[in-house]
């Protein structure tokens, strides 16, 4: 007969194994990271605002008119250059990435505060299975536009880590880049995007 105390002592390990070895891992870890961010116990890095960041031009020229073909979750083909004239917030993420999940509520909040005529959001999923990305976005109720890549990404989007965010000015120049999880829903970052849009419009 099994000893009840032994069963209870193994239960935490069994639950940990269940989380770490199944599809629950990104859900649980992403939730924990977001919870720590929300309580202030864990401070995510706040990226430099685009207006004050030193320009980062990795190709020596603007992204446009180079082709960066993408496809929407519904299968519609688009190109990043279609957004020329706007500041573009490009975030590389995946549904299996806990830090990506953790920063997304902040990105969604920022997206809802920005004028779509001035700032475009490109949430670029690196999921191999488009259905997984679609299911995740729908379950969370996110409203920002989500795209999938259709081939290899050129610099400066060819990051070795995710989440990764690249901010493009309306002319296609890289204004800022941040690798790793960050809290984007701040008054300073919002003001930076607006200043970048206004500066280029003059």
C-alpha atoms as a PDB file:
ATOM      1  CA  UNK A   1       0.000   0.000   0.000  1.00  0.00           C
ATOM      2  CA  UNK A   2       1.331   3.443  -0.949  1.00  0.00           C
ATOM      3  CA  UNK A   3       2.221   5.822   1.815  1.00  0.00           C
ATOM      4  CA  UNK A   4       0.176   9.048   1.607  1.00  0.00           C
ATOM      5  CA  UNK A   5       3.110  11.155   2.749  1.00  0.00           C
ATOM      6  CA  UNK A   6       5.239   9.749  -0.083  1.00  0.00           C
ATOM      7  CA  UNK A   7       2.529  10.560  -2.604  1.00  0.00           C
ATOM      8  CA  UNK A   8       2.297  14.159  -1.376  1.00  0.00           C
ATOM      9  CA  UNK A   9       6.063  14.543  -1.407  1.00  0.00           C
ATOM     10  CA  UNK A  10       6.216  13.494  -5.080  1.00  0.00           C
ATOM     11  CA  UNK A  11       3.274  15.656  -6.145  1.00  0.00           C
ATOM     12  CA  UNK A  12       5.246  18.924  -6.608  1.00  0.00           C
ATOM     13  CA  UNK A  13       7.808  17.116  -8.772  1.00  0.00           C
ATOM     14  CA  UNK A  14       5.054  15.523 -10.832  1.00  0.00           C
ATOM     15  CA  UNK A  15       3.389  18.909 -11.373  1.00  0.00           C
ATOM     16  CA  UNK A  16       6.733  20.494 -12.310  1.00  0.00           C
ATOM     17  CA  UNK A  17       7.384  17.701 -14.820  1.00  0.00           C
ATOM     18  CA  UNK A  18       3.880  18.163 -16.258  1.00  0.00           C
ATOM     19  CA  UNK A  19       4.503  21.866 -16.778  1.00  0.00           C
ATOM     20  CA  UNK A  20       8.042  21.608 -18.134  1.00  0.00           C
ATOM     21  CA  UNK A  21       7.525  18.650 -20.460  1.00  0.00           C
ATOM     22  CA  UNK A  22       4.191  19.574 -22.017  1.00  0.00           C
ATOM     23  CA  UNK A  23       2.569  22.445 -23.879  1.00  0.00           C
ATOM     24  CA  UNK A  24       1.781  24.078 -20.535  1.00  0.00           C
ATOM     25  CA  UNK A  25       5.376  25.313 -20.180  1.00  0.00           C
ATOM     26  CA  UNK A  26       5.077  28.593 -22.183  1.00  0.00           C
ATOM     27  CA  UNK A  27       1.656  29.293 -20.697  1.00  0.00           C
ATOM     28  CA  UNK A  28       2.782  28.889 -17.088  1.00  0.00           C
ATOM     29  CA  UNK A  29       6.185  30.574 -17.459  1.00  0.00           C
ATOM     30  CA  UNK A  30       4.748  33.458 -19.509  1.00  0.00           C
ATOM     31  CA  UNK A  31       2.015  33.946 -16.905  1.00  0.00           C
ATOM     32  CA  UNK A  32       4.538  33.935 -14.071  1.00  0.00           C
ATOM     33  CA  UNK A  33       6.773  36.453 -15.843  1.00  0.00           C
ATOM     34  CA  UNK A  34       3.816  38.732 -16.598  1.00  0.00           C
ATOM     35  CA  UNK A  35       2.666  38.455 -12.981  1.00  0.00           C
ATOM     36  CA  UNK A  36       6.103  39.449 -11.725  1.00  0.00           C
ATOM     37  CA  UNK A  37       6.139  42.403 -14.134  1.00  0.00           C
ATOM     38  CA  UNK A  38       2.680  43.507 -13.001  1.00  0.00           C
ATOM     39  CA  UNK A  39       3.576  43.378  -9.307  1.00  0.00           C
ATOM     40  CA  UNK A  40       6.849  45.195  -9.842  1.00  0.00           C
ATOM     41  CA  UNK A  41       8.853  42.331  -8.344  1.00  0.00           C
ATOM     42  CA  UNK A  42      10.609  41.928 -11.684  1.00  0.00           C
ATOM     43  CA  UNK A  43      11.491  45.008 -13.679  1.00  0.00           C
ATOM     44  CA  UNK A  44      11.662  44.449 -17.416  1.00  0.00           C
ATOM     45  CA  UNK A  45      14.111  46.661 -19.224  1.00  0.00           C
ATOM     46  CA  UNK A  46      12.571  49.815 -20.626  1.00  0.00           C
ATOM     47  CA  UNK A  47      14.060  50.330 -24.098  1.00  0.00           C
ATOM     48  CA  UNK A  48      15.437  53.676 -25.149  1.00  0.00           C
ATOM     49  CA  UNK A  49      12.738  55.692 -26.827  1.00  0.00           C
ATOM     50  CA  UNK A  50      13.183  55.943 -30.595  1.00  0.00           C
ATOM     51  CA  UNK A  51      13.364  59.727 -30.476  1.00  0.00           C
ATOM     52  CA  UNK A  52      16.373  59.686 -28.160  1.00  0.00           C
ATOM     53  CA  UNK A  53      18.044  56.476 -29.297  1.00  0.00           C
ATOM     54  CA  UNK A  54      21.069  56.685 -31.547  1.00  0.00           C
ATOM     55  CA  UNK A  55      20.073  55.667 -35.079  1.00  0.00           C
ATOM     56  CA  UNK A  56      20.958  52.061 -35.837  1.00  0.00           C
ATOM     57  CA  UNK A  57      21.423  51.522 -39.545  1.00  0.00           C
ATOM     58  CA  UNK A  58      22.612  47.970 -39.987  1.00  0.00           C
ATOM     59  CA  UNK A  59      22.353  47.891 -43.781  1.00  0.00           C
ATOM     60  CA  UNK A  60      23.785  51.349 -44.419  1.00  0.00           C
ATOM     61  CA  UNK A  61      20.516  52.372 -46.036  1.00  0.00           C
ATOM     62  CA  UNK A  62      16.792  52.388 -45.450  1.00  0.00           C
ATOM     63  CA  UNK A  63      14.816  49.153 -45.332  1.00  0.00           C
ATOM     64  CA  UNK A  64      12.613  50.477 -48.121  1.00  0.00           C
ATOM     65  CA  UNK A  65      12.389  49.822 -51.021  1.00  0.00           C
ATOM     66  CA  UNK A  66      13.745  46.346 -50.209  1.00  0.00           C
ATOM     67  CA  UNK A  67      11.118  43.636 -50.174  1.00  0.00           C
ATOM     68  CA  UNK A  68      10.181  42.103 -46.826  1.00  0.00           C
ATOM     69  CA  UNK A  69       7.267  39.899 -47.869  1.00  0.00           C
ATOM     70  CA  UNK A  70       4.850  38.838 -45.157  1.00  0.00           C
ATOM     71  CA  UNK A  71       1.464  37.177 -44.942  1.00  0.00           C
ATOM     72  CA  UNK A  72      -1.430  37.856 -42.575  1.00  0.00           C
ATOM     73  CA  UNK A  73      -2.873  35.074 -40.423  1.00  0.00           C
ATOM     74  CA  UNK A  74      -5.723  34.965 -42.925  1.00  0.00           C
ATOM     75  CA  UNK A  75      -3.257  34.290 -45.765  1.00  0.00           C
ATOM     76  CA  UNK A  76      -3.198  37.734 -47.419  1.00  0.00           C
ATOM     77  CA  UNK A  77       0.204  38.652 -48.888  1.00  0.00           C
ATOM     78  CA  UNK A  78       1.607  42.021 -47.799  1.00  0.00           C
ATOM     79  CA  UNK A  79       4.953  43.774 -47.853  1.00  0.00           C
ATOM     80  CA  UNK A  80       6.586  45.788 -45.108  1.00  0.00           C
ATOM     81  CA  UNK A  81       7.215  48.588 -47.620  1.00  0.00           C
ATOM     82  CA  UNK A  82       3.418  49.055 -47.840  1.00  0.00           C
ATOM     83  CA  UNK A  83       3.736  50.839 -44.484  1.00  0.00           C
ATOM     84  CA  UNK A  84       6.155  53.467 -45.757  1.00  0.00           C
ATOM     85  CA  UNK A  85       5.242  56.878 -44.369  1.00  0.00           C
ATOM     86  CA  UNK A  86       4.434  55.537 -40.898  1.00  0.00           C
ATOM     87  CA  UNK A  87       6.543  54.681 -37.874  1.00  0.00           C
ATOM     88  CA  UNK A  88       6.559  50.881 -37.756  1.00  0.00           C
ATOM     89  CA  UNK A  89       6.824  48.861 -34.535  1.00  0.00           C
ATOM     90  CA  UNK A  90       8.021  45.382 -35.575  1.00  0.00           C
ATOM     91  CA  UNK A  91       8.026  42.720 -32.853  1.00  0.00           C
ATOM     92  CA  UNK A  92       9.370  39.200 -33.488  1.00  0.00           C
ATOM     93  CA  UNK A  93       7.711  36.641 -31.242  1.00  0.00           C
ATOM     94  CA  UNK A  94       6.426  33.062 -31.008  1.00  0.00           C
ATOM     95  CA  UNK A  95       3.615  31.425 -29.061  1.00  0.00           C
ATOM     96  CA  UNK A  96       6.091  28.995 -27.452  1.00  0.00           C
ATOM     97  CA  UNK A  97       8.267  31.847 -26.089  1.00  0.00           C
ATOM     98  CA  UNK A  98       7.423  32.747 -22.439  1.00  0.00           C
ATOM     99  CA  UNK A  99       9.099  36.218 -22.475  1.00  0.00           C
ATOM    100  CA  UNK A 100       7.203  37.027 -25.691  1.00  0.00           C
ATOM    101  CA  UNK A 101       3.941  36.151 -23.967  1.00  0.00           C
ATOM    102  CA  UNK A 102       4.899  38.202 -20.925  1.00  0.00           C
ATOM    103  CA  UNK A 103       5.497  41.454 -22.845  1.00  0.00           C
ATOM    104  CA  UNK A 104       2.462  41.167 -25.128  1.00  0.00           C
ATOM    105  CA  UNK A 105      -0.155  42.748 -22.804  1.00  0.00           C
ATOM    106  CA  UNK A 106       2.014  45.879 -22.701  1.00  0.00           C
ATOM    107  CA  UNK A 107       2.348  45.913 -26.495  1.00  0.00           C
ATOM    108  CA  UNK A 108      -1.420  45.498 -26.877  1.00  0.00           C
ATOM    109  CA  UNK A 109      -2.003  48.398 -24.481  1.00  0.00           C
ATOM    110  CA  UNK A 110       0.458  50.589 -26.413  1.00  0.00           C
ATOM    111  CA  UNK A 111      -1.135  49.594 -29.733  1.00  0.00           C
ATOM    112  CA  UNK A 112      -4.539  50.794 -28.534  1.00  0.00           C
ATOM    113  CA  UNK A 113      -3.085  54.194 -27.559  1.00  0.00           C
ATOM    114  CA  UNK A 114      -1.303  54.965 -30.832  1.00  0.00           C
ATOM    115  CA  UNK A 115      -2.843  56.710 -33.846  1.00  0.00           C
ATOM    116  CA  UNK A 116      -2.970  54.088 -36.645  1.00  0.00           C
ATOM    117  CA  UNK A 117      -2.471  56.827 -39.230  1.00  0.00           C
ATOM    118  CA  UNK A 118       0.991  57.535 -37.770  1.00  0.00           C
ATOM    119  CA  UNK A 119       2.205  54.288 -36.183  1.00  0.00           C
ATOM    120  CA  UNK A 120       1.772  50.765 -37.582  1.00  0.00           C
ATOM    121  CA  UNK A 121       2.317  47.568 -35.609  1.00  0.00           C
ATOM    122  CA  UNK A 122       3.730  44.419 -37.176  1.00  0.00           C
ATOM    123  CA  UNK A 123       3.596  41.519 -34.732  1.00  0.00           C
ATOM    124  CA  UNK A 124       5.700  39.035 -36.681  1.00  0.00           C
ATOM    125  CA  UNK A 125       5.119  35.466 -35.506  1.00  0.00           C
ATOM    126  CA  UNK A 126       7.967  33.013 -35.966  1.00  0.00           C
ATOM    127  CA  UNK A 127       5.697  30.040 -35.267  1.00  0.00           C
ATOM    128  CA  UNK A 128       6.175  27.254 -37.798  1.00  0.00           C
ATOM    129  CA  UNK A 129       2.468  26.486 -37.467  1.00  0.00           C
ATOM    130  CA  UNK A 130       0.280  29.493 -38.281  1.00  0.00           C
ATOM    131  CA  UNK A 131      -2.685  27.835 -36.545  1.00  0.00           C
ATOM    132  CA  UNK A 132      -0.846  27.918 -33.200  1.00  0.00           C
ATOM    133  CA  UNK A 133      -0.160  31.639 -33.509  1.00  0.00           C
ATOM    134  CA  UNK A 134      -3.754  32.289 -34.533  1.00  0.00           C
ATOM    135  CA  UNK A 135      -5.138  30.221 -31.648  1.00  0.00           C
ATOM    136  CA  UNK A 136      -2.920  32.028 -29.137  1.00  0.00           C
ATOM    137  CA  UNK A 137      -3.815  35.532 -30.376  1.00  0.00           C
ATOM    138  CA  UNK A 138      -7.537  34.704 -30.443  1.00  0.00           C
ATOM    139  CA  UNK A 139      -7.491  33.149 -26.961  1.00  0.00           C
ATOM    140  CA  UNK A 140      -5.835  36.250 -25.504  1.00  0.00           C
ATOM    141  CA  UNK A 141      -8.119  38.657 -27.369  1.00  0.00           C
ATOM    142  CA  UNK A 142      -5.243  40.640 -28.875  1.00  0.00           C
ATOM    143  CA  UNK A 143      -6.236  43.102 -31.571  1.00  0.00           C
ATOM    144  CA  UNK A 144      -2.839  44.121 -32.968  1.00  0.00           C
ATOM    145  CA  UNK A 145      -2.059  42.954 -36.523  1.00  0.00           C
ATOM    146  CA  UNK A 146      -0.206  39.633 -36.690  1.00  0.00           C
ATOM    147  CA  UNK A 147       1.885  38.492 -39.644  1.00  0.00           C
ATOM    148  CA  UNK A 148       3.967  35.476 -40.631  1.00  0.00           C
ATOM    149  CA  UNK A 149       7.237  35.509 -42.547  1.00  0.00           C
ATOM    150  CA  UNK A 150       7.348  33.909 -45.976  1.00  0.00           C
ATOM    151  CA  UNK A 151      11.113  33.411 -46.104  1.00  0.00           C
ATOM    152  CA  UNK A 152      14.364  34.421 -44.452  1.00  0.00           C
ATOM    153  CA  UNK A 153      14.313  37.829 -42.815  1.00  0.00           C
ATOM    154  CA  UNK A 154      16.899  40.433 -43.842  1.00  0.00           C
ATOM    155  CA  UNK A 155      18.887  42.597 -41.429  1.00  0.00           C
ATOM    156  CA  UNK A 156      17.917  44.109 -39.052  1.00  0.00           C
ATOM    157  CA  UNK A 157      15.160  41.549 -38.433  1.00  0.00           C
ATOM    158  CA  UNK A 158      17.433  38.481 -38.414  1.00  0.00           C
ATOM    159  CA  UNK A 159      17.781  38.361 -34.635  1.00  0.00           C
ATOM    160  CA  UNK A 160      19.209  35.311 -32.872  1.00  0.00           C
ATOM    161  CA  UNK A 161      16.877  35.821 -29.928  1.00  0.00           C
ATOM    162  CA  UNK A 162      13.236  36.588 -29.315  1.00  0.00           C
ATOM    163  CA  UNK A 163      11.400  38.655 -28.390  1.00  0.00           C
ATOM    164  CA  UNK A 164      13.103  41.273 -30.509  1.00  0.00           C
ATOM    165  CA  UNK A 165      11.736  44.661 -31.525  1.00  0.00           C
ATOM    166  CA  UNK A 166      12.776  46.977 -34.349  1.00  0.00           C
ATOM    167  CA  UNK A 167      11.383  50.491 -34.778  1.00  0.00           C
ATOM    168  CA  UNK A 168      11.409  51.926 -38.291  1.00  0.00           C
ATOM    169  CA  UNK A 169      11.002  55.592 -39.063  1.00  0.00           C
ATOM    170  CA  UNK A 170       8.546  56.612 -41.806  1.00  0.00           C
ATOM    171  CA  UNK A 171      11.454  56.646 -44.278  1.00  0.00           C
ATOM    172  CA  UNK A 172      12.368  53.052 -43.440  1.00  0.00           C
ATOM    173  CA  UNK A 173      15.494  53.870 -41.446  1.00  0.00           C
ATOM    174  CA  UNK A 174      16.036  51.804 -38.313  1.00  0.00           C
ATOM    175  CA  UNK A 175      15.431  54.196 -35.413  1.00  0.00           C
ATOM    176  CA  UNK A 176      15.842  51.695 -32.568  1.00  0.00           C
ATOM    177  CA  UNK A 177      16.236  48.005 -31.845  1.00  0.00           C
ATOM    178  CA  UNK A 178      15.778  46.070 -28.621  1.00  0.00           C
ATOM    179  CA  UNK A 179      16.484  42.372 -28.069  1.00  0.00           C
ATOM    180  CA  UNK A 180      14.774  40.715 -25.116  1.00  0.00           C
ATOM    181  CA  UNK A 181      11.625  41.288 -23.107  1.00  0.00           C
ATOM    182  CA  UNK A 182      10.675  44.897 -22.414  1.00  0.00           C
ATOM    183  CA  UNK A 183       7.849  47.026 -21.069  1.00  0.00           C
ATOM    184  CA  UNK A 184       6.717  49.171 -23.993  1.00  0.00           C
ATOM    185  CA  UNK A 185       3.553  50.594 -22.456  1.00  0.00           C
ATOM    186  CA  UNK A 186       5.179  53.654 -20.895  1.00  0.00           C
ATOM    187  CA  UNK A 187       4.454  57.355 -21.439  1.00  0.00           C
ATOM    188  CA  UNK A 188       8.089  57.877 -22.457  1.00  0.00           C
ATOM    189  CA  UNK A 189       8.078  55.194 -25.153  1.00  0.00           C
ATOM    190  CA  UNK A 190       4.710  56.358 -26.504  1.00  0.00           C
ATOM    191  CA  UNK A 191       6.026  59.936 -26.664  1.00  0.00           C
ATOM    192  CA  UNK A 192       9.145  58.684 -28.451  1.00  0.00           C
ATOM    193  CA  UNK A 193       7.086  57.036 -31.182  1.00  0.00           C
ATOM    194  CA  UNK A 194       4.978  60.175 -31.592  1.00  0.00           C
ATOM    195  CA  UNK A 195       8.074  62.403 -31.754  1.00  0.00           C
ATOM    196  CA  UNK A 196       9.615  60.144 -34.381  1.00  0.00           C
ATOM    197  CA  UNK A 197       6.460  60.379 -36.489  1.00  0.00           C
ATOM    198  CA  UNK A 198       6.270  64.168 -36.060  1.00  0.00           C
ATOM    199  CA  UNK A 199       9.971  64.777 -36.766  1.00  0.00           C
ATOM    200  CA  UNK A 200       9.861  62.939 -40.074  1.00  0.00           C
ATOM    201  CA  UNK A 201       6.599  64.613 -41.107  1.00  0.00           C
ATOM    202  CA  UNK A 202       8.173  68.079 -40.983  1.00  0.00           C
END
